[in-house]
């Protein structure tokens, strides 16, 4: 099986670099691009066709919810995982309503993030345990 191709979208450059390093060296994913805002993410998603997009919520120029909405509108098969510090219900509702296939908090363990990427790539939907009543680290659906 070929490596899962990721697009990382976060306005914090140090976090993007760390996430990239972990995803590539520890889990064997291929990071095909990085963006610091939602507007750039929409363009890169269109041109690079990543398998999974790891998307922050609060960013300059265009937030992650709007970027997700535009990416999914252009490609309904796109798989976006929101990766954020926010547990706010309005962000969660907006992201899932926009078509995100996952909503995870940034304090997730690295191995759980890798598992989430693989499961969303396979078509599953994941919600961080802090946002669900289910036990375990990740609540899996569909």
Protein backbone atom coordinates (compact mmCIF):
# COMPACT_ATOMS: atom_id res chain seq x y z
CA UNK A 1 0.00 0.00 0.00
CA UNK A 2 1.30 3.45 -0.85
CA UNK A 3 1.86 6.09 1.79
CA UNK A 4 -1.07 8.27 2.87
CA UNK A 5 -0.61 11.76 1.44
CA UNK A 6 -1.26 14.58 3.91
CA UNK A 7 -1.83 18.32 3.71
CA UNK A 8 -1.11 20.08 7.01
CA UNK A 9 -2.93 23.36 7.66
CA UNK A 10 -2.06 25.42 10.75
CA UNK A 11 -1.05 29.02 11.28
CA UNK A 12 1.74 28.09 13.73
CA UNK A 13 4.87 27.25 11.74
CA UNK A 14 6.59 25.37 14.58
CA UNK A 15 3.54 23.15 15.07
CA UNK A 16 3.33 22.45 11.31
CA UNK A 17 7.01 21.48 11.18
CA UNK A 18 6.70 19.23 14.24
CA UNK A 19 3.57 17.58 12.88
CA UNK A 20 5.24 17.07 9.52
CA UNK A 21 8.35 15.53 11.09
CA UNK A 22 6.29 13.12 13.22
CA UNK A 23 3.98 12.11 10.38
CA UNK A 24 6.80 11.45 7.95
CA UNK A 25 9.52 9.94 10.13
CA UNK A 26 7.50 8.06 12.72
CA UNK A 27 4.43 6.95 10.76
CA UNK A 28 5.57 6.90 7.14
CA UNK A 29 2.97 9.33 5.83
CA UNK A 30 3.91 11.67 2.98
CA UNK A 31 3.27 15.36 3.60
CA UNK A 32 2.55 16.82 0.17
CA UNK A 33 2.01 20.39 1.38
CA UNK A 34 1.57 22.86 4.19
CA UNK A 35 -0.60 25.95 4.51
CA UNK A 36 -0.80 28.68 7.15
CA UNK A 37 -4.41 29.70 6.43
CA UNK A 38 -7.63 28.33 5.04
CA UNK A 39 -7.44 30.21 1.75
CA UNK A 40 -4.12 28.61 0.87
CA UNK A 41 -5.45 25.24 2.07
CA UNK A 42 -8.35 25.38 -0.40
CA UNK A 43 -5.95 26.03 -3.28
CA UNK A 44 -3.46 23.36 -2.19
CA UNK A 45 -6.23 20.80 -1.68
CA UNK A 46 -7.34 21.45 -5.26
CA UNK A 47 -3.89 21.23 -6.81
CA UNK A 48 -2.30 18.50 -4.65
CA UNK A 49 -5.29 16.19 -4.04
CA UNK A 50 -4.09 14.93 -0.64
CA UNK A 51 -5.60 11.79 0.86
CA UNK A 52 -6.21 13.45 4.24
CA UNK A 53 -6.09 17.09 5.34
CA UNK A 54 -5.17 17.98 8.94
CA UNK A 55 -6.87 21.35 9.49
CA UNK A 56 -6.71 23.86 12.35
CA UNK A 57 -9.84 25.90 13.12
CA UNK A 58 -8.69 29.40 14.01
CA UNK A 59 -6.42 30.86 11.35
CA UNK A 60 -5.98 34.19 9.59
CA UNK A 61 -7.45 34.98 6.17
CA UNK A 62 -9.93 32.07 6.25
CA UNK A 63 -10.77 29.78 9.17
CA UNK A 64 -10.67 26.00 9.03
CA UNK A 65 -14.44 25.55 9.02
CA UNK A 66 -14.91 27.71 5.93
CA UNK A 67 -11.89 26.12 4.25
CA UNK A 68 -13.35 22.67 4.96
CA UNK A 69 -16.70 23.74 3.52
CA UNK A 70 -15.04 24.95 0.31
CA UNK A 71 -12.78 21.90 -0.02
CA UNK A 72 -15.71 19.49 0.41
CA UNK A 73 -17.88 21.52 -1.99
CA UNK A 74 -15.18 21.18 -4.66
CA UNK A 75 -14.42 17.54 -3.84
CA UNK A 76 -17.03 15.66 -1.77
CA UNK A 77 -14.58 12.74 -1.39
CA UNK A 78 -12.01 14.90 0.44
CA UNK A 79 -11.19 13.75 3.96
CA UNK A 80 -10.59 16.53 6.47
CA UNK A 81 -9.65 16.05 10.11
CA UNK A 82 -9.99 19.13 12.28
CA UNK A 83 -7.04 19.22 14.67
CA UNK A 84 -7.57 21.98 17.21
CA UNK A 85 -7.35 23.12 20.84
CA UNK A 86 -11.02 24.12 20.85
CA UNK A 87 -13.70 22.00 22.50
CA UNK A 88 -16.40 24.54 21.69
CA UNK A 89 -19.68 23.05 20.47
CA UNK A 90 -20.09 25.74 17.79
CA UNK A 91 -16.72 24.89 16.24
CA UNK A 92 -17.49 21.18 16.39
CA UNK A 93 -20.94 21.65 14.84
CA UNK A 94 -19.58 23.97 12.17
CA UNK A 95 -16.74 21.63 11.24
CA UNK A 96 -18.85 18.50 11.03
CA UNK A 97 -21.57 20.42 9.22
CA UNK A 98 -18.96 21.54 6.70
CA UNK A 99 -18.03 17.92 6.05
CA UNK A 100 -15.04 17.24 8.32
CA UNK A 101 -14.57 13.49 8.88
CA UNK A 102 -12.78 13.96 12.18
CA UNK A 103 -12.57 16.41 15.05
CA UNK A 104 -9.58 15.88 17.31
CA UNK A 105 -7.93 17.94 20.00
CA UNK A 106 -4.25 18.80 19.63
CA UNK A 107 -3.38 17.10 22.92
CA UNK A 108 -4.01 13.73 21.26
CA UNK A 109 -1.17 11.21 21.52
CA UNK A 110 0.91 10.81 18.36
CA UNK A 111 -0.03 7.16 17.88
CA UNK A 112 -3.73 8.06 18.20
CA UNK A 113 -3.32 10.74 15.55
CA UNK A 114 -1.68 8.23 13.22
CA UNK A 115 -4.54 5.79 13.85
CA UNK A 116 -7.06 8.56 13.17
CA UNK A 117 -5.41 9.44 9.86
CA UNK A 118 -5.52 5.80 8.77
CA UNK A 119 -9.15 5.33 9.81
CA UNK A 120 -10.36 8.55 8.17
CA UNK A 121 -8.42 7.59 5.04
CA UNK A 122 -10.42 4.34 5.06
CA UNK A 123 -13.67 6.33 5.24
CA UNK A 124 -14.39 6.32 8.98
CA UNK A 125 -15.54 9.30 11.04
CA UNK A 126 -13.75 10.12 14.31
CA UNK A 127 -14.57 12.40 17.23
CA UNK A 128 -12.21 13.11 20.12
CA UNK A 129 -13.29 11.46 23.38
CA UNK A 130 -13.45 14.86 25.10
CA UNK A 131 -16.34 15.75 22.79
CA UNK A 132 -18.22 12.48 23.07
CA UNK A 133 -19.74 10.40 25.81
CA UNK A 134 -18.11 7.21 24.55
CA UNK A 135 -15.16 5.70 26.38
CA UNK A 136 -11.71 5.30 24.95
CA UNK A 137 -9.48 7.78 23.24
CA UNK A 138 -11.36 8.11 19.99
CA UNK A 139 -15.01 7.59 19.26
CA UNK A 140 -15.37 5.87 15.95
CA UNK A 141 -18.45 6.20 13.86
CA UNK A 142 -19.57 5.19 10.36
